[in-house]
C-alpha atoms as a PDB file:
ATOM      1  CA  MET A   1     161.256  87.365 130.523  1.00  0.00           C
ATOM      2  CA  ILE A   2     162.422  87.478 126.936  1.00  0.00           C
ATOM      3  CA  SER A   3     161.943  83.729 126.565  1.00  0.00           C
ATOM      4  CA  ASP A   4     158.361  84.039 127.896  1.00  0.00           C
ATOM      5  CA  LEU A   5     157.575  86.702 125.309  1.00  0.00           C
ATOM      6  CA  SER A   6     159.042  84.698 122.482  1.00  0.00           C
ATOM      7  CA  ARG A   7     157.017  81.643 123.506  1.00  0.00           C
ATOM      8  CA  GLY A   8     153.870  83.721 123.561  1.00  0.00           C
ATOM      9  CA  ASP A   9     154.668  85.110 120.121  1.00  0.00           C
ATOM     10  CA  ASP A  10     155.389  81.609 118.835  1.00  0.00           C
ATOM     11  CA  ASN A  11     152.055  80.364 120.144  1.00  0.00           C
ATOM     12  CA  ARG A  12     150.223  83.290 118.579  1.00  0.00           C
ATOM     13  CA  CYS A  13     152.012  82.697 115.303  1.00  0.00           C
ATOM     14  CA  ALA A  14     151.214  78.988 115.429  1.00  0.00           C
ATOM     15  CA  ASP A  15     147.562  79.735 116.203  1.00  0.00           C
ATOM     16  CA  ARG A  16     147.395  82.234 113.359  1.00  0.00           C
ATOM     17  CA  TYR A  17     149.034  79.739 111.018  1.00  0.00           C
ATOM     18  CA  LYS A  18     146.432  77.084 111.929  1.00  0.00           C
ATOM     19  CA  GLN A  19     143.619  79.585 111.353  1.00  0.00           C
ATOM     20  CA  VAL A  20     144.977  80.482 107.927  1.00  0.00           C
ATOM     21  CA  GLN A  21     145.297  76.795 106.998  1.00  0.00           C
ATOM     22  CA  GLN A  22     141.702  76.137 108.042  1.00  0.00           C
ATOM     23  CA  MET A  23     140.504  79.121 106.003  1.00  0.00           C
ATOM     24  CA  ASP A  24     142.466  77.879 102.978  1.00  0.00           C
ATOM     25  CA  ARG A  25     140.881  74.427 103.287  1.00  0.00           C
ATOM     26  CA  ARG A  26     137.401  75.946 103.496  1.00  0.00           C
ATOM     27  CA  CYS A  27     138.083  78.148 100.482  1.00  0.00           C
ATOM     28  CA  MET A  28     139.422  75.196  98.511  1.00  0.00           C
ATOM     29  CA  ASP A  29     136.407  73.122  99.534  1.00  0.00           C
ATOM     30  CA  ASP A  30     134.099  75.939  98.444  1.00  0.00           C
ATOM     31  CA  ALA A  31     135.944  76.317  95.141  1.00  0.00           C
ATOM     32  CA  ALA A  32     135.805  72.554  94.543  1.00  0.00           C
ATOM     33  CA  LEU A  33     132.077  72.505  95.269  1.00  0.00           C
ATOM     34  CA  VAL A  34     131.469  75.402  92.875  1.00  0.00           C
ATOM     35  CA  GLU A  35     133.427  73.574  90.176  1.00  0.00           C
ATOM     36  CA  ALA A  36     131.496  70.367  90.887  1.00  0.00           C
ATOM     37  CA  SER A  37     128.221  72.281  90.733  1.00  0.00           C
ATOM     38  CA  ASN A  38     129.150  73.802  87.372  1.00  0.00           C
ATOM     39  CA  LYS A  39     130.215  70.432  85.945  1.00  0.00           C
ATOM     40  CA  LYS A  40     127.079  68.825  87.350  1.00  0.00           C
ATOM     41  CA  LEU A  41     124.836  71.336  85.618  1.00  0.00           C
ATOM     42  CA  ALA A  42     126.711  71.168  82.303  1.00  0.00           C
ATOM     43  CA  ALA A  43     126.917  67.365  82.253  1.00  0.00           C
ATOM     44  CA  GLY A  44     123.300  66.965  83.359  1.00  0.00           C
ATOM     45  CA  LEU A  45     121.872  69.254  80.703  1.00  0.00           C
ATOM     46  CA  LEU A  46     124.103  67.849  77.974  1.00  0.00           C
ATOM     47  CA  GLY A  47     123.129  64.319  79.027  1.00  0.00           C
ATOM     48  CA  ILE A  48     119.449  65.175  78.691  1.00  0.00           C
ATOM     49  CA  PHE A  49     119.668  67.076  75.405  1.00  0.00           C
ATOM     50  CA  LEU A  50     122.658  65.485  73.607  1.00  0.00           C
ATOM     51  CA  GLY A  51     123.010  62.219  75.511  1.00  0.00           C
ATOM     52  CA  ALA A  52     122.999  60.030  72.411  1.00  0.00           C
ATOM     53  CA  PHE A  53     126.320  61.570  71.340  1.00  0.00           C
ATOM     54  CA  GLY A  54     127.995  61.144  74.752  1.00  0.00           C
ATOM     55  CA  ILE A  55     128.945  64.817  75.013  1.00  0.00           C
ATOM     56  CA  HIS A  56     128.226  64.787  78.754  1.00  0.00           C
ATOM     57  CA  LYS A  57     130.901  62.110  79.175  1.00  0.00           C
ATOM     58  CA  PHE A  58     133.529  64.326  77.560  1.00  0.00           C
ATOM     59  CA  VAL A  59     132.632  67.196  79.919  1.00  0.00           C
ATOM     60  CA  LEU A  60     133.422  64.934  82.879  1.00  0.00           C
ATOM     61  CA  GLY A  61     136.660  63.727  81.292  1.00  0.00           C
ATOM     62  CA  TYR A  62     135.432  60.220  80.462  1.00  0.00           C
ATOM     63  CA  THR A  63     136.820  59.917  76.955  1.00  0.00           C
ATOM     64  CA  THR A  64     136.335  56.175  76.411  1.00  0.00           C
ATOM     65  CA  PRO A  65     132.625  56.073  77.376  1.00  0.00           C
ATOM     66  CA  GLY A  66     132.046  59.244  75.341  1.00  0.00           C
ATOM     67  CA  VAL A  67     133.675  57.719  72.269  1.00  0.00           C
ATOM     68  CA  ILE A  68     131.673  54.499  72.737  1.00  0.00           C
ATOM     69  CA  MET A  69     128.375  56.396  72.849  1.00  0.00           C
ATOM     70  CA  LEU A  70     129.329  58.566  69.877  1.00  0.00           C
ATOM     71  CA  VAL A  71     130.550  55.664  67.736  1.00  0.00           C
ATOM     72  CA  VAL A  72     127.502  53.494  68.504  1.00  0.00           C
ATOM     73  CA  THR A  73     125.171  56.343  67.550  1.00  0.00           C
ATOM     74  CA  VAL A  74     127.038  57.231  64.348  1.00  0.00           C
ATOM     75  CA  LEU A  75     127.825  53.706  63.104  1.00  0.00           C
ATOM     76  CA  THR A  76     124.230  52.525  63.500  1.00  0.00           C
ATOM     77  CA  CYS A  77     122.978  55.594  61.641  1.00  0.00           C
ATOM     78  CA  GLY A  78     121.020  56.598  64.715  1.00  0.00           C
ATOM     79  CA  LEU A  79     119.202  53.278  65.217  1.00  0.00           C
ATOM     80  CA  ALA A  80     121.030  52.542  68.464  1.00  0.00           C
ATOM     81  CA  GLY A  81     121.107  56.262  69.123  1.00  0.00           C
ATOM     82  CA  PHE A  82     117.718  55.881  70.788  1.00  0.00           C
ATOM     83  CA  VAL A  83     119.249  53.561  73.392  1.00  0.00           C
ATOM     84  CA  MET A  84     122.211  55.889  73.872  1.00  0.00           C
ATOM     85  CA  GLY A  85     119.784  58.790  74.186  1.00  0.00           C
ATOM     86  CA  VAL A  86     117.825  57.015  76.909  1.00  0.00           C
ATOM     87  CA  ILE A  87     121.083  56.298  78.740  1.00  0.00           C
ATOM     88  CA  GLY A  88     122.027  59.972  78.395  1.00  0.00           C
ATOM     89  CA  VAL A  89     118.671  61.154  79.764  1.00  0.00           C
ATOM     90  CA  ILE A  90     118.912  58.783  82.726  1.00  0.00           C
ATOM     91  CA  GLU A  91     122.465  59.887  83.468  1.00  0.00           C
ATOM     92  CA  GLY A  92     121.541  63.554  83.076  1.00  0.00           C
ATOM     93  CA  ILE A  93     118.715  63.209  85.577  1.00  0.00           C
ATOM     94  CA  LEU A  94     120.992  61.323  87.965  1.00  0.00           C
ATOM     95  CA  TYR A  95     123.650  64.036  87.712  1.00  0.00           C
ATOM     96  CA  LEU A  96     121.159  66.815  88.372  1.00  0.00           C
ATOM     97  CA  SER A  97     119.570  64.998  91.318  1.00  0.00           C
ATOM     98  CA  LYS A  98     122.855  64.754  93.244  1.00  0.00           C
ATOM     99  CA  THR A  99     124.141  67.439  95.602  1.00  0.00           C
ATOM    100  CA  PRO A 100     127.436  69.021  94.516  1.00  0.00           C
ATOM    101  CA  ALA A 101     129.272  67.103  97.250  1.00  0.00           C
ATOM    102  CA  GLU A 102     127.744  63.767  96.179  1.00  0.00           C
ATOM    103  CA  PHE A 103     128.424  64.539  92.527  1.00  0.00           C
ATOM    104  CA  GLN A 104     132.054  65.336  93.250  1.00  0.00           C
ATOM    105  CA  ALA A 105     132.512  62.198  95.355  1.00  0.00           C
ATOM    106  CA  LEU A 106     130.918  59.894  92.769  1.00  0.00           C
ATOM    107  CA  TYR A 107     131.765  61.299  89.358  1.00  0.00           C
ATOM    108  CA  ILE A 108     134.797  63.561  89.793  1.00  0.00           C
ATOM    109  CA  ASP A 109     136.786  61.927  92.597  1.00  0.00           C
ATOM    110  CA  GLY A 110     135.313  58.422  92.305  1.00  0.00           C
ATOM    111  CA  ARG A 111     135.463  58.383  88.486  1.00  0.00           C
ATOM    112  CA  LYS A 112     132.171  56.461  88.146  1.00  0.00           C
ATOM    113  CA  GLU A 113     131.769  56.300  84.355  1.00  0.00           C
ATOM    114  CA  TRP A 114     128.317  54.751  83.873  1.00  0.00           C
ATOM    115  CA  PHE A 115     125.109  55.557  85.729  1.00  0.00           C
END
């Protein structure tokens, strides 16, 4: 009788443990999607408004592409800044058109640096 009770308690504990793990995964997924949504909005708007300087690249953690865009714009005294600005606008629109899950898969997890 005692062994039957302990097995039942073990099963209940195991079930409860699985439920808690599933809730933790959902909460982490929700938190990751909120973070991706915030980064998406920030990077998208910065790409549209300050794209020539590559600021949106720094927000996503892409230091090398950000430095390339910044240096090209500064060293050409803004002449090539137009091209960098167009690239920034295109990337900003692409960022904003993605769902948070797509954005996270492509640009945060996948580390896709250009377009």
